[in-house]
Amino acid sequence: GIRDYKVTGVQTCALPICPVPPSASSRPVPGPPTQRGVCRYRALLIGASTGGPEALSELLPRFAPHAPLPIVLVQHLPADFGSYFAQSLARRVGASVVEAYDGQPAVAGRVYLAPGGSHLVLRSGEGHLVCGLSDAPPENGCRPAVDVLFRSAAAACGDRALAIVLTGMRQDGARRSEEHTSELQSPCNLVCRLLLEK
C-alpha cells in the first residue's frame, strides 16, 4: 500500500515508483494554463531520490500543467546536473520546470527544482511564497535534503502544504515522521483529490 506520514504539520505520503510510459518523452510543452482549480493548499512538495526521474515523468504530467499551486521538488542530484534535469523534466511533463534561485516567487503551475548542492526552502512573502537556497550542512547525507524543505514549508504554510515522498529516499523526508498505512489505489488520484479540496 501507500505509506502516509505526518511531518511537523505537513501532510505527506510515500508513493511507489511507477514506470515511464513510452510516449512521456514526446509530450509537447504547452503554454501556461489560463484557469486553475481552487485549492486549500499553498504548495505541493515532492521529495525524490533513486528512480525519481522516471517516477516524476509518470506522475507530474497528470496534474502539474494545471496545478493550482506551486510544486516544489527536491531530487537528489549532483551539483552540476540541475539545469539539464529541469529542461529534460519540462519536456516530459508538459509544464514549466525551473531550477529555483534565491528570492524567486513561487507561482501556481510551475515546478521549482532544488539546485544540486543547495538546500531549497520556502519562505512567506507578501501574499505569496518565495524560494530560498541554503548552503547549510547536508542532512541525512543529502544536500539538497527533503527534510529541510519540509521544515521550511511547515513554517511558511502550516498545515496548508501537501507533500509526496517517493520511494528510494532512505530516511530523507520521513526522518521524524509517524508512519501509518493507507489503502488508496492510485497516488495520482490521491494528489488530484487533495489538490481540489476547498
C-alpha atoms as a PDB file:
ATOM      1  CA  GLY A   1       0.000   0.000   0.000  1.00  0.00           C
ATOM      2  CA  ILE A   2       0.902   3.661   0.202  1.00  0.00           C
ATOM      3  CA  ARG A   3       2.721   4.849   3.301  1.00  0.00           C
ATOM      4  CA  ASP A   4       1.429   8.082   4.811  1.00  0.00           C
ATOM      5  CA  TYR A   5       3.406  10.386   7.069  1.00  0.00           C
ATOM      6  CA  LYS A   6       2.773  13.422   9.206  1.00  0.00           C
ATOM      7  CA  VAL A   7       5.885  15.620   9.308  1.00  0.00           C
ATOM      8  CA  THR A   8       5.719  18.680  11.553  1.00  0.00           C
ATOM      9  CA  GLY A   9       2.279  19.666  10.302  1.00  0.00           C
ATOM     10  CA  VAL A  10       2.935  18.912   6.625  1.00  0.00           C
ATOM     11  CA  GLN A  11       0.714  16.232   5.092  1.00  0.00           C
ATOM     12  CA  THR A  12       2.879  13.743   3.213  1.00  0.00           C
ATOM     13  CA  CYS A  13       2.629  10.392   1.520  1.00  0.00           C
ATOM     14  CA  ALA A  14       5.237   7.985   0.185  1.00  0.00           C
ATOM     15  CA  LEU A  15       4.491   6.610  -3.251  1.00  0.00           C
ATOM     16  CA  PRO A  16       5.748   3.603  -5.198  1.00  0.00           C
ATOM     17  CA  ILE A  17       7.955   4.179  -8.243  1.00  0.00           C
ATOM     18  CA  CYS A  18       5.962   3.982 -11.487  1.00  0.00           C
ATOM     19  CA  PRO A  19       7.292   3.014 -14.941  1.00  0.00           C
ATOM     20  CA  VAL A  20       7.591   5.712 -17.618  1.00  0.00           C
ATOM     21  CA  PRO A  21       5.113   5.363 -20.473  1.00  0.00           C
ATOM     22  CA  PRO A  22       6.819   5.203 -23.899  1.00  0.00           C
ATOM     23  CA  SER A  23       5.183   8.437 -25.050  1.00  0.00           C
ATOM     24  CA  ALA A  24       6.184  10.506 -21.984  1.00  0.00           C
ATOM     25  CA  SER A  25       9.331  11.963 -23.565  1.00  0.00           C
ATOM     26  CA  SER A  26       7.448  13.100 -26.687  1.00  0.00           C
ATOM     27  CA  ARG A  27       4.856  15.239 -24.913  1.00  0.00           C
ATOM     28  CA  PRO A  28       4.871  18.881 -26.068  1.00  0.00           C
ATOM     29  CA  VAL A  29       5.359  21.678 -23.538  1.00  0.00           C
ATOM     30  CA  PRO A  30       2.166  23.792 -23.530  1.00  0.00           C
ATOM     31  CA  GLY A  31       1.914  27.432 -22.593  1.00  0.00           C
ATOM     32  CA  PRO A  32       0.815  28.374 -19.080  1.00  0.00           C
ATOM     33  CA  PRO A  33      -2.777  27.356 -18.327  1.00  0.00           C
ATOM     34  CA  THR A  34      -5.332  30.140 -18.061  1.00  0.00           C
ATOM     35  CA  GLN A  35      -7.634  28.583 -15.451  1.00  0.00           C
ATOM     36  CA  ARG A  36      -6.849  26.684 -12.298  1.00  0.00           C
ATOM     37  CA  GLY A  37      -8.959  24.941  -9.680  1.00  0.00           C
ATOM     38  CA  VAL A  38      -9.486  26.146  -6.151  1.00  0.00           C
ATOM     39  CA  CYS A  39      -7.126  24.580  -3.631  1.00  0.00           C
ATOM     40  CA  ARG A  40      -6.790  24.913   0.132  1.00  0.00           C
ATOM     41  CA  TYR A  41      -3.059  24.103  -0.042  1.00  0.00           C
ATOM     42  CA  ARG A  42      -0.361  26.702  -0.699  1.00  0.00           C
ATOM     43  CA  ALA A  43       2.322  24.365  -2.054  1.00  0.00           C
ATOM     44  CA  LEU A  44       2.885  20.802  -3.209  1.00  0.00           C
ATOM     45  CA  LEU A  45       6.266  19.422  -2.102  1.00  0.00           C
ATOM     46  CA  ILE A  46       7.906  16.402  -3.707  1.00  0.00           C
ATOM     47  CA  GLY A  47      10.979  14.521  -2.491  1.00  0.00           C
ATOM     48  CA  ALA A  48      12.679  12.062  -4.833  1.00  0.00           C
ATOM     49  CA  SER A  49      15.882  10.068  -4.981  1.00  0.00           C
ATOM     50  CA  THR A  50      16.785   6.831  -6.769  1.00  0.00           C
ATOM     51  CA  GLY A  51      14.218   6.194  -9.503  1.00  0.00           C
ATOM     52  CA  GLY A  52      12.837   9.700  -9.090  1.00  0.00           C
ATOM     53  CA  PRO A  53      13.240  10.929 -12.692  1.00  0.00           C
ATOM     54  CA  GLU A  54      11.191   8.029 -14.040  1.00  0.00           C
ATOM     55  CA  ALA A  55       8.532   8.343 -11.332  1.00  0.00           C
ATOM     56  CA  LEU A  56       8.262  12.102 -11.795  1.00  0.00           C
ATOM     57  CA  SER A  57       7.867  11.660 -15.553  1.00  0.00           C
ATOM     58  CA  GLU A  58       4.865   9.439 -14.861  1.00  0.00           C
ATOM     59  CA  LEU A  59       3.306  11.396 -12.011  1.00  0.00           C
ATOM     60  CA  LEU A  60       3.750  15.080 -12.884  1.00  0.00           C
ATOM     61  CA  PRO A  61       2.103  15.172 -16.348  1.00  0.00           C
ATOM     62  CA  ARG A  62      -1.176  14.148 -14.748  1.00  0.00           C
ATOM     63  CA  PHE A  63      -1.556  17.321 -12.674  1.00  0.00           C
ATOM     64  CA  ALA A  64       1.408  19.714 -12.965  1.00  0.00           C
ATOM     65  CA  PRO A  65       0.322  21.599 -16.114  1.00  0.00           C
ATOM     66  CA  HIS A  66      -2.875  22.778 -14.392  1.00  0.00           C
ATOM     67  CA  ALA A  67      -1.866  22.695 -10.735  1.00  0.00           C
ATOM     68  CA  PRO A  68      -3.493  25.500  -8.722  1.00  0.00           C
ATOM     69  CA  LEU A  69      -0.371  25.876  -6.557  1.00  0.00           C
ATOM     70  CA  PRO A  70       3.430  25.847  -6.918  1.00  0.00           C
ATOM     71  CA  ILE A  71       5.179  22.465  -6.987  1.00  0.00           C
ATOM     72  CA  VAL A  72       8.497  22.417  -5.131  1.00  0.00           C
ATOM     73  CA  LEU A  73      10.791  19.488  -5.844  1.00  0.00           C
ATOM     74  CA  VAL A  74      13.881  18.076  -4.156  1.00  0.00           C
ATOM     75  CA  GLN A  75      15.500  15.412  -6.323  1.00  0.00           C
ATOM     76  CA  HIS A  76      18.847  14.130  -5.069  1.00  0.00           C
ATOM     77  CA  LEU A  77      21.189  15.299  -7.850  1.00  0.00           C
ATOM     78  CA  PRO A  78      24.887  16.004  -8.473  1.00  0.00           C
ATOM     79  CA  ALA A  79      25.788  19.687  -8.146  1.00  0.00           C
ATOM     80  CA  ASP A  80      26.049  20.445 -11.882  1.00  0.00           C
ATOM     81  CA  PHE A  81      23.076  18.421 -13.117  1.00  0.00           C
ATOM     82  CA  GLY A  82      20.100  20.552 -12.033  1.00  0.00           C
ATOM     83  CA  SER A  83      19.679  22.750 -15.109  1.00  0.00           C
ATOM     84  CA  TYR A  84      19.827  19.800 -17.505  1.00  0.00           C
ATOM     85  CA  PHE A  85      17.390  17.815 -15.366  1.00  0.00           C
ATOM     86  CA  ALA A  86      14.928  20.744 -15.205  1.00  0.00           C
ATOM     87  CA  GLN A  87      14.948  21.080 -19.012  1.00  0.00           C
ATOM     88  CA  SER A  88      14.572  17.336 -19.512  1.00  0.00           C
ATOM     89  CA  LEU A  89      11.735  17.102 -16.983  1.00  0.00           C
ATOM     90  CA  ALA A  90       9.912  20.068 -18.561  1.00  0.00           C
ATOM     91  CA  ARG A  91       9.884  18.275 -21.923  1.00  0.00           C
ATOM     92  CA  ARG A  92       8.454  15.123 -20.343  1.00  0.00           C
ATOM     93  CA  VAL A  93       5.964  16.792 -18.024  1.00  0.00           C
ATOM     94  CA  GLY A  94       4.434  19.443 -20.284  1.00  0.00           C
ATOM     95  CA  ALA A  95       4.786  22.189 -17.664  1.00  0.00           C
ATOM     96  CA  SER A  96       7.339  24.811 -16.736  1.00  0.00           C
ATOM     97  CA  VAL A  97      10.159  23.297 -14.656  1.00  0.00           C
ATOM     98  CA  VAL A  98      12.871  25.659 -13.423  1.00  0.00           C
ATOM     99  CA  GLU A  99      15.911  25.385 -11.207  1.00  0.00           C
ATOM    100  CA  ALA A 100      14.982  27.527  -8.213  1.00  0.00           C
ATOM    101  CA  TYR A 101      17.015  30.583  -7.254  1.00  0.00           C
ATOM    102  CA  ASP A 102      17.147  32.545  -4.016  1.00  0.00           C
ATOM    103  CA  GLY A 103      14.312  35.064  -3.716  1.00  0.00           C
ATOM    104  CA  GLN A 104      12.255  33.585  -6.587  1.00  0.00           C
ATOM    105  CA  PRO A 105       8.472  33.910  -6.123  1.00  0.00           C
ATOM    106  CA  ALA A 106       6.761  30.510  -6.183  1.00  0.00           C
ATOM    107  CA  VAL A 107       3.745  30.738  -8.504  1.00  0.00           C
ATOM    108  CA  ALA A 108       0.997  28.250  -9.334  1.00  0.00           C
ATOM    109  CA  GLY A 109       1.533  25.804 -12.170  1.00  0.00           C
ATOM    110  CA  ARG A 110       5.321  25.928 -12.113  1.00  0.00           C
ATOM    111  CA  VAL A 111       7.722  23.264 -10.803  1.00  0.00           C
ATOM    112  CA  TYR A 112      10.702  24.538  -8.777  1.00  0.00           C
ATOM    113  CA  LEU A 113      13.685  22.193  -8.602  1.00  0.00           C
ATOM    114  CA  ALA A 114      16.310  22.372  -5.851  1.00  0.00           C
ATOM    115  CA  PRO A 115      19.733  23.009  -7.409  1.00  0.00           C
ATOM    116  CA  GLY A 116      22.241  20.224  -6.828  1.00  0.00           C
ATOM    117  CA  GLY A 117      24.438  21.078  -3.852  1.00  0.00           C
ATOM    118  CA  SER A 118      21.993  23.541  -2.201  1.00  0.00           C
ATOM    119  CA  HIS A 119      19.054  23.071   0.144  1.00  0.00           C
ATOM    120  CA  LEU A 120      15.779  24.522  -1.126  1.00  0.00           C
ATOM    121  CA  VAL A 121      13.497  26.249   1.387  1.00  0.00           C
ATOM    122  CA  LEU A 122      10.178  28.057   1.235  1.00  0.00           C
ATOM    123  CA  ARG A 123       9.559  31.384   2.949  1.00  0.00           C
ATOM    124  CA  SER A 124       6.465  33.538   3.296  1.00  0.00           C
ATOM    125  CA  GLY A 125       6.478  36.667   1.181  1.00  0.00           C
ATOM    126  CA  GLU A 126       3.833  39.359   0.977  1.00  0.00           C
ATOM    127  CA  GLY A 127       0.842  37.260  -0.020  1.00  0.00           C
ATOM    128  CA  HIS A 128       2.915  34.562  -1.721  1.00  0.00           C
ATOM    129  CA  LEU A 129       5.669  32.025  -1.143  1.00  0.00           C
ATOM    130  CA  VAL A 130       9.301  32.640  -2.014  1.00  0.00           C
ATOM    131  CA  CYS A 131      12.035  30.099  -2.792  1.00  0.00           C
ATOM    132  CA  GLY A 132      15.273  30.334  -0.867  1.00  0.00           C
ATOM    133  CA  LEU A 133      18.589  28.490  -1.092  1.00  0.00           C
ATOM    134  CA  SER A 134      20.836  27.408   1.755  1.00  0.00           C
ATOM    135  CA  ASP A 135      24.390  26.079   1.939  1.00  0.00           C
ATOM    136  CA  ALA A 136      23.784  24.594   5.401  1.00  0.00           C
ATOM    137  CA  PRO A 137      25.461  21.225   6.035  1.00  0.00           C
ATOM    138  CA  PRO A 138      23.931  18.107   4.445  1.00  0.00           C
ATOM    139  CA  GLU A 139      21.143  16.337   6.312  1.00  0.00           C
ATOM    140  CA  ASN A 140      20.686  12.582   6.086  1.00  0.00           C
ATOM    141  CA  GLY A 141      23.792  12.677   3.901  1.00  0.00           C
ATOM    142  CA  CYS A 142      21.978  14.862   1.347  1.00  0.00           C
ATOM    143  CA  ARG A 143      22.149  18.425   0.067  1.00  0.00           C
ATOM    144  CA  PRO A 144      19.555  19.211  -1.110  1.00  0.00           C
ATOM    145  CA  ALA A 145      17.615  17.392   1.602  1.00  0.00           C
ATOM    146  CA  VAL A 146      13.877  16.832   1.650  1.00  0.00           C
ATOM    147  CA  ASP A 147      13.664  17.302   5.420  1.00  0.00           C
ATOM    148  CA  VAL A 148      14.989  20.856   5.077  1.00  0.00           C
ATOM    149  CA  LEU A 149      12.289  21.702   2.530  1.00  0.00           C
ATOM    150  CA  PHE A 150       9.573  20.109   4.650  1.00  0.00           C
ATOM    151  CA  ARG A 151      10.557  22.027   7.781  1.00  0.00           C
ATOM    152  CA  SER A 152      10.613  25.320   5.925  1.00  0.00           C
ATOM    153  CA  ALA A 153       7.241  24.612   4.322  1.00  0.00           C
ATOM    154  CA  ALA A 154       5.729  23.777   7.712  1.00  0.00           C
ATOM    155  CA  ALA A 155       6.926  27.158   8.989  1.00  0.00           C
ATOM    156  CA  ALA A 156       5.733  29.053   5.888  1.00  0.00           C
ATOM    157  CA  CYS A 157       2.468  27.201   5.183  1.00  0.00           C
ATOM    158  CA  GLY A 158       1.453  25.454   8.396  1.00  0.00           C
ATOM    159  CA  ASP A 159      -0.921  22.625   7.533  1.00  0.00           C
ATOM    160  CA  ARG A 160      -1.518  24.052   4.052  1.00  0.00           C
ATOM    161  CA  ALA A 161       1.409  22.210   2.445  1.00  0.00           C
ATOM    162  CA  LEU A 162       0.896  18.858   0.745  1.00  0.00           C
ATOM    163  CA  ALA A 163       3.945  16.637   0.247  1.00  0.00           C
ATOM    164  CA  ILE A 164       4.800  13.479  -1.661  1.00  0.00           C
ATOM    165  CA  VAL A 165       7.764  11.309  -0.699  1.00  0.00           C
ATOM    166  CA  LEU A 166       8.798   8.908  -3.453  1.00  0.00           C
ATOM    167  CA  THR A 167      10.377   5.596  -2.501  1.00  0.00           C
ATOM    168  CA  GLY A 168      14.148   5.176  -2.573  1.00  0.00           C
ATOM    169  CA  MET A 169      14.689   8.038  -0.115  1.00  0.00           C
ATOM    170  CA  ARG A 170      16.202   6.125   2.841  1.00  0.00           C
ATOM    171  CA  GLN A 171      15.422   8.429   5.793  1.00  0.00           C
ATOM    172  CA  ASP A 172      15.341  11.771   3.971  1.00  0.00           C
ATOM    173  CA  GLY A 173      11.826  13.181   4.034  1.00  0.00           C
ATOM    174  CA  ALA A 174      10.453  10.809   6.644  1.00  0.00           C
ATOM    175  CA  ARG A 175      13.030  11.132   9.413  1.00  0.00           C
ATOM    176  CA  ARG A 176      10.824  12.428  12.234  1.00  0.00           C
ATOM    177  CA  SER A 177       7.506  11.200  10.884  1.00  0.00           C
ATOM    178  CA  GLU A 178       4.947   8.783  12.220  1.00  0.00           C
ATOM    179  CA  GLU A 179       4.164   6.037   9.750  1.00  0.00           C
ATOM    180  CA  HIS A 180       0.764   4.553   9.118  1.00  0.00           C
ATOM    181  CA  THR A 181      -0.867   2.811   6.170  1.00  0.00           C
ATOM    182  CA  SER A 182      -3.491   3.743   3.615  1.00  0.00           C
ATOM    183  CA  GLU A 183      -5.343   1.642   1.061  1.00  0.00           C
ATOM    184  CA  LEU A 184      -5.668   4.343  -1.608  1.00  0.00           C
ATOM    185  CA  GLN A 185      -5.268   2.717  -5.021  1.00  0.00           C
ATOM    186  CA  SER A 186      -3.652   5.469  -7.065  1.00  0.00           C
ATOM    187  CA  PRO A 187      -1.030   8.015  -5.976  1.00  0.00           C
ATOM    188  CA  CYS A 188      -2.189  10.345  -8.732  1.00  0.00           C
ATOM    189  CA  ASN A 189      -5.826  10.127  -7.606  1.00  0.00           C
ATOM    190  CA  LEU A 190      -4.707  10.985  -4.073  1.00  0.00           C
ATOM    191  CA  VAL A 191      -2.873  14.093  -5.236  1.00  0.00           C
ATOM    192  CA  CYS A 192      -5.645  15.254  -7.563  1.00  0.00           C
ATOM    193  CA  ARG A 193      -8.301  14.766  -4.874  1.00  0.00           C
ATOM    194  CA  LEU A 194      -6.335  16.687  -2.260  1.00  0.00           C
ATOM    195  CA  LEU A 195      -5.437  19.486  -4.676  1.00  0.00           C
ATOM    196  CA  LEU A 196      -9.107  20.107  -5.350  1.00  0.00           C
ATOM    197  CA  GLU A 197     -10.180  20.143  -1.698  1.00  0.00           C
ATOM    198  CA  LYS A 198     -11.507  23.529  -0.651  1.00  0.00           C
END
